[in-house]
Amino acid sequence: MHRPKSRIKRLMTGLLVIVLLLAGCAAAAAYYIRGELQPTSASGQEKKVEIVSGDGMKNIASKLEREGLIRNASVFMYYLKWKNEGGRFQAGEYAMKPGIGTDEIIAMLNNGQTVKANRLTIPEGYTVTQIADKVGQHDGMEASAFVKATEAYKPAVGEELLAGIPADTKLKHRLEGYLFPDTYDIPKDATEQKMITLMVDQLDKRLQSLPADWKDKLKASGLTFHQMMTIASLIEREVVVDEERPLVASVIYNRLKIKQPLQIDATVQYALGKQKERLLESDLKIESPYNTYKNPGLPPGPIASPSLASIKAALYPAESKYFYYVTKKDGSQGHLFGETYAQHLANIEKSKQTEKNAK
């Protein structure tokens, strides 16, 4: 009569032992992991770790372990996965001292806290003079020397991109638009000339990530590479919302097709040489080949360094019947598009109304 109870008792005891064993294993594993995540022995000597573009978590963890900055690369990788980290690590050279915490290392890699003297970031939409100012902030280089170097720069054999730049005296800066906006690791022996070469080469590399038929698209458009880059720069300076880039491209192409002046404010800003919050009527009358209010067609060349997204939009514009667009005043930085001038005027009023409502 008591045998079933004994069996149940033995079964419960066995389950309890298993649970205790699992709990013990979990506790031991947690203790081990916690220990492996502790800082390494502190040292006053900095260790240099270079993270290159394309480095995966495994490579990064191995480099950190090799330099004595973490105890265990495998545990570090699992910790990254558990914390959902590692996807925002930035390339560059880092200087770290053994003894810093795991979370501090992760924060440095996320924030791109590299050896600052060896890193240069060029934002999208920057002009040659703005890029020169950024370059001039680094030791051994000057903004004025950089600008001069862009004008004197001669393409190396095989640099087809620059070979297509026209010998046009109307060009404000010969390499405007051809210095690709990106983050660069500055070589120790960097010169203004070498930085220009890096940026031009980067443009060539990034173009290779475009769809395979981009050159066919360019040829079919009847435009030169220089003209396409000019359109891309106009898109870059006019658009903030990525989805609108192909639409703005379509407006530009539609106007060019019927020889309607582009009337793009960004070209006037470029002609003025300074950014103004609002353009006056007198500004629109400035004598400059870049003033698309006075001159039909494209300006002589790009007005800034376009992003790859703007280059792609210039090559693959949307199909539309739009000829006009106006910026929304609701803070979205988007645009209202119109096919006719009457629609455009209505959109202007609608934009003004949203501005009033926002206030």
Foldseek 3Di string as FASTA:
>chain_A
DCVVVVVVVVVVVVVVVVVVVVVVVVVVVVVVLVVQQAFFDWDPAKDKDFDDPPDALLNRLVRCVVRRGGRDSVSLVVVCVVVVARPQFDGEMAIDTGRDGSVVVRVCRNVVVHPVLFKFFFDALAWLLRSLVRVCVHPPEHSVVLQVCQQVDDDDPPLVLLVPQDPDPQDPGSCAQQQAGGMGGADPPDYSNVSSVVRNVVSVVLVVPAPPCLVVLCVVLVDDSQQLSQQLSLLRVQADDLVCLLVLLQLLVLCLVVQHQLQRVLLLCLVVVHDDPDDDPVSLVDDGLSNSSPDTDTRSGHSHHGHPSSSNSSSPHDDDLWNDWDAALQPPRDIDTDNDVVVVVVRVVVSVVNNVVND
